[in-house]
Amino acid sequence: MSPVASILLLWLAFGLSHVFLSSGGPRARLIHWLGERGFMALYSLVALATFIPLVSTYFAHKHQGPLLWGPLVVSSWGLWAIYGAMGVAFVLLFAGFLTPSPTAMTASQDAAQQGPRGVHLITRHAVFMSLAVFGVAHLMTNGYATDVAFFGGFPLFVLVGSIHQDRRKLSDPASSYAAFHAATPLIPFTGRQTWAGLRSLDWKAVVAGIAVAWIVRHFHSALFG
């Protein structure tokens, strides 16, 4: 099997297992059998069992296959735009953890009643969308087939996963998620209250995100090539 096919199949296994385990029926039955902690342990185990081979397969075959496109940015300004995008990705990641969204699998039934705040006004799927920004940023400078299969899988997985989470939450008649969903955007920076979200971001997430982006950029060659 070609490296590109292997990467695509591993993405498919990772994505389908996530969708299946988080779907209402299977999730409820597994929680009944295993308990909440047991379910989360199984969920994490399946995620690691598919994601670790995905990453290792890519790193064993990166920059292989046909060149689908050359670097889409060659100027110093273009590179700084990518560094900025990675800063945004890390800020969204930390903000999503510091201000948990009711979209999370572990969110309580009444989490949406608190209303959107901070990063929720930028996107209701901050942690997910940080992965999408990461993938898109890396596609700008990595155009070989294995690169495109690996990094392109991030925004695709995020889009499918986010829509699935929204539909699962909206299907619960006891949830107040519909109001939260209507007040928050899926795609970052596309909502009417984006500016309010930026102003109310947790400053710790901003500092941590920028700091980690700088550290990763500084050691990127040594760590990832």
Protein backbone atom coordinates (compact mmCIF):
# COMPACT_ATOMS: atom_id res chain seq x y z
CA MET A 1 0.00 0.00 0.00
CA SER A 2 1.31 3.45 -0.88
CA PRO A 3 2.16 5.91 1.92
CA VAL A 4 -0.57 8.28 0.70
CA ALA A 5 -3.20 5.52 0.84
CA SER A 6 -1.99 4.49 4.30
CA ILE A 7 -2.30 8.06 5.59
CA LEU A 8 -5.77 8.46 4.10
CA LEU A 9 -6.99 5.15 5.55
CA LEU A 10 -5.62 6.03 8.99
CA TRP A 11 -7.37 9.41 8.84
CA LEU A 12 -10.57 7.57 7.87
CA ALA A 13 -10.19 5.17 10.80
CA PHE A 14 -9.48 8.04 13.20
CA GLY A 15 -12.42 10.11 12.00
CA LEU A 16 -14.99 7.33 11.77
CA SER A 17 -14.10 5.94 15.18
CA HIS A 18 -14.55 9.41 16.69
CA VAL A 19 -17.92 9.92 15.02
CA PHE A 20 -19.14 6.45 15.98
CA LEU A 21 -18.06 6.58 19.63
CA SER A 22 -19.47 10.07 20.14
CA SER A 23 -22.82 9.33 18.47
CA GLY A 24 -25.84 9.28 20.77
CA GLY A 25 -26.75 5.59 20.70
CA PRO A 26 -23.29 3.97 20.88
CA ARG A 27 -22.08 6.57 23.39
CA ALA A 28 -25.05 6.02 25.71
CA ARG A 29 -24.69 2.22 25.59
CA LEU A 30 -20.95 2.33 26.23
CA ILE A 31 -21.40 4.71 29.16
CA HIS A 32 -24.06 2.35 30.56
CA TRP A 33 -21.68 -0.59 30.30
CA LEU A 34 -18.38 1.08 31.20
CA GLY A 35 -19.33 4.19 33.16
CA GLU A 36 -18.28 7.73 32.23
CA ARG A 37 -14.62 7.20 33.10
CA GLY A 38 -14.48 3.85 31.36
CA PHE A 39 -16.01 5.36 28.23
CA MET A 40 -13.49 8.22 28.21
CA ALA A 41 -10.66 5.72 28.68
CA LEU A 42 -11.90 3.67 25.72
CA TYR A 43 -12.39 6.82 23.63
CA SER A 44 -8.82 7.97 24.39
CA LEU A 45 -7.38 4.52 23.70
CA VAL A 46 -9.05 4.28 20.29
CA ALA A 47 -7.90 7.82 19.44
CA LEU A 48 -4.29 7.00 20.33
CA ALA A 49 -4.45 3.65 18.53
CA THR A 50 -5.32 5.41 15.27
CA PHE A 51 -3.58 8.80 15.61
CA ILE A 52 -0.12 7.53 16.66
CA PRO A 53 0.19 5.27 13.57
CA LEU A 54 -1.08 8.17 11.44
CA VAL A 55 1.65 10.50 12.69
CA SER A 56 4.39 7.87 12.54
CA THR A 57 3.41 6.87 8.99
CA TYR A 58 3.57 10.47 7.85
CA PHE A 59 6.95 11.16 9.45
CA ALA A 60 8.33 8.00 7.85
CA HIS A 61 7.20 9.21 4.41
CA LYS A 62 6.96 13.00 4.56
CA HIS A 63 7.63 14.99 1.39
CA GLN A 64 7.01 11.91 -0.77
CA GLY A 65 4.81 11.26 -3.76
CA PRO A 66 4.03 13.69 -6.59
CA LEU A 67 4.55 17.39 -5.96
CA LEU A 68 1.00 18.76 -6.11
CA TRP A 69 2.09 22.35 -5.55
CA GLY A 70 5.20 24.26 -4.60
CA PRO A 71 5.46 26.53 -1.57
CA LEU A 72 2.55 28.96 -1.81
CA VAL A 73 4.50 31.61 0.10
CA VAL A 74 8.09 32.47 -0.66
CA SER A 75 8.52 36.00 0.68
CA SER A 76 9.45 36.85 4.25
CA TRP A 77 6.03 38.46 4.64
CA GLY A 78 4.37 35.23 3.60
CA LEU A 79 6.39 33.23 6.11
CA TRP A 80 5.48 35.66 8.87
CA ALA A 81 1.83 35.23 7.91
CA ILE A 82 2.23 31.49 8.50
CA TYR A 83 3.94 32.13 11.84
CA GLY A 84 1.02 34.38 12.72
CA ALA A 85 -1.44 31.66 11.75
CA MET A 86 0.33 29.24 14.06
CA GLY A 87 0.11 31.84 16.82
CA VAL A 88 -3.64 32.03 16.22
CA ALA A 89 -3.85 28.22 16.33
CA PHE A 90 -2.14 28.02 19.71
CA VAL A 91 -4.17 30.90 21.16
CA LEU A 92 -7.39 29.17 20.08
CA LEU A 93 -6.13 25.92 21.59
CA PHE A 94 -5.34 27.40 25.00
CA ALA A 95 -8.44 29.59 25.01
CA GLY A 96 -10.59 26.56 24.24
CA PHE A 97 -9.19 24.71 27.24
CA LEU A 98 -9.40 27.70 29.58
CA THR A 99 -12.96 28.57 28.48
CA PRO A 100 -14.56 25.18 27.80
CA SER A 101 -17.36 25.08 25.27
CA PRO A 102 -20.65 23.19 25.69
CA THR A 103 -19.72 21.43 22.43
CA ALA A 104 -17.26 19.26 24.36
CA MET A 105 -18.26 15.64 24.94
CA THR A 106 -17.73 16.06 28.68
CA ALA A 107 -19.82 19.27 28.92
CA SER A 108 -22.68 19.24 31.38
CA GLN A 109 -26.28 19.42 30.21
CA ASP A 110 -26.66 23.03 31.36
CA ALA A 111 -23.29 24.29 30.08
CA ALA A 112 -24.92 26.14 27.18
CA GLN A 113 -27.13 28.09 29.58
CA GLN A 114 -24.10 30.14 30.64
CA GLY A 115 -24.11 31.75 27.20
CA PRO A 116 -21.18 32.35 24.85
CA ARG A 117 -18.20 34.29 26.15
CA GLY A 118 -14.61 34.98 25.20
CA VAL A 119 -13.33 32.64 22.53
CA HIS A 120 -16.87 31.25 21.97
CA LEU A 121 -17.67 34.51 20.17
CA ILE A 122 -14.80 33.78 17.77
CA THR A 123 -15.74 30.12 17.26
CA ARG A 124 -17.73 27.65 19.32
CA HIS A 125 -15.18 24.93 18.45
CA ALA A 126 -11.94 26.64 19.53
CA VAL A 127 -9.88 23.50 20.21
CA PHE A 128 -11.05 21.83 17.01
CA MET A 129 -10.48 24.95 14.93
CA SER A 130 -6.94 25.33 16.25
CA LEU A 131 -6.19 22.03 14.51
CA ALA A 132 -7.78 23.27 11.30
CA VAL A 133 -5.65 26.43 11.31
CA PHE A 134 -2.58 24.27 12.00
CA GLY A 135 -3.34 22.07 9.01
CA VAL A 136 -4.04 24.93 6.60
CA ALA A 137 -0.88 26.78 7.65
CA HIS A 138 1.26 23.73 6.93
CA LEU A 139 -0.39 23.11 3.57
CA MET A 140 0.95 26.49 2.47
CA THR A 141 4.53 25.20 2.47
CA ASN A 142 4.13 21.43 2.06
CA GLY A 143 2.80 20.33 -1.30
CA TYR A 144 3.92 16.74 -1.76
CA ALA A 145 1.21 14.09 -1.82
CA THR A 146 1.94 12.67 1.64
CA ASP A 147 2.05 16.20 3.07
CA VAL A 148 -1.30 17.10 1.54
CA ALA A 149 -2.89 13.84 2.73
CA PHE A 150 -1.65 14.38 6.29
CA PHE A 151 -2.10 18.12 6.80
CA GLY A 152 -5.24 18.29 4.66
CA GLY A 153 -6.84 15.74 6.95
CA PHE A 154 -6.85 18.21 9.85
CA PRO A 155 -9.29 20.80 8.44
CA LEU A 156 -11.45 18.05 6.93
CA PHE A 157 -11.64 16.12 10.20
CA VAL A 158 -12.36 19.33 12.11
CA LEU A 159 -15.20 20.33 9.79
CA VAL A 160 -16.86 16.91 9.93
CA GLY A 161 -16.30 16.57 13.67
CA SER A 162 -17.62 20.03 14.47
CA ILE A 163 -20.80 19.55 12.44
CA HIS A 164 -21.31 16.15 14.07
CA GLN A 165 -20.92 17.66 17.54
CA ASP A 166 -23.39 20.41 16.72
CA ARG A 167 -25.99 17.95 15.42
CA ARG A 168 -25.57 15.69 18.44
CA LYS A 169 -26.08 18.60 20.84
CA LEU A 170 -28.99 20.05 18.87
CA SER A 171 -30.78 16.68 18.80
CA ASP A 172 -31.05 16.62 22.60
CA PRO A 173 -34.52 18.04 23.44
CA ALA A 174 -33.44 18.68 27.04
CA SER A 175 -30.51 20.85 26.00
CA SER A 176 -30.41 24.63 25.65
CA TYR A 177 -27.68 24.32 23.02
CA ALA A 178 -29.79 25.80 20.20
CA ALA A 179 -29.45 29.34 21.57
CA PHE A 180 -25.70 28.93 22.04
CA HIS A 181 -25.39 27.53 18.51
CA ALA A 182 -27.32 30.47 17.01
CA ALA A 183 -25.14 33.03 18.80
CA THR A 184 -21.74 31.59 17.88
CA PRO A 185 -19.93 30.96 14.56
CA LEU A 186 -18.51 27.67 13.34
CA ILE A 187 -15.66 29.14 11.28
CA PRO A 188 -13.36 31.42 13.32
CA PHE A 189 -13.68 35.18 12.89
CA THR A 190 -16.87 35.02 10.84
CA GLY A 191 -19.40 35.93 13.55
CA ARG A 192 -20.97 39.29 14.27
CA GLN A 193 -19.36 39.44 17.71
CA THR A 194 -15.80 38.56 16.70
CA TRP A 195 -14.41 41.86 17.97
CA ALA A 196 -16.11 41.37 21.34
CA GLY A 197 -14.61 37.89 21.48
CA LEU A 198 -11.12 39.20 20.77
CA ARG A 199 -11.42 41.85 23.46
CA SER A 200 -12.63 39.34 26.04
CA LEU A 201 -10.11 36.59 25.33
CA ASP A 202 -8.42 35.16 28.40
CA TRP A 203 -5.06 36.96 28.51
CA LYS A 204 -3.38 33.80 29.77
CA ALA A 205 -4.40 32.00 26.57
CA VAL A 206 -2.97 34.82 24.44
CA VAL A 207 0.36 34.89 26.29
CA ALA A 208 0.68 31.10 26.35
CA GLY A 209 -0.31 30.73 22.70
CA ILE A 210 2.18 33.29 21.43
CA ALA A 211 4.94 31.94 23.66
CA VAL A 212 4.42 28.34 22.55
CA ALA A 213 4.22 29.40 18.88
CA TRP A 214 7.56 31.18 19.24
CA ILE A 215 9.16 28.18 20.98
CA VAL A 216 7.89 25.74 18.35
CA ARG A 217 9.10 28.01 15.55
CA HIS A 218 12.54 28.33 17.18
CA PHE A 219 12.99 24.56 17.60
CA HIS A 220 10.97 23.41 14.59
CA SER A 221 13.94 22.33 12.49
CA ALA A 222 15.49 20.35 15.32
CA LEU A 223 12.24 18.67 16.33
CA PHE A 224 10.41 18.15 13.05
CA GLY A 225 12.87 18.86 10.25
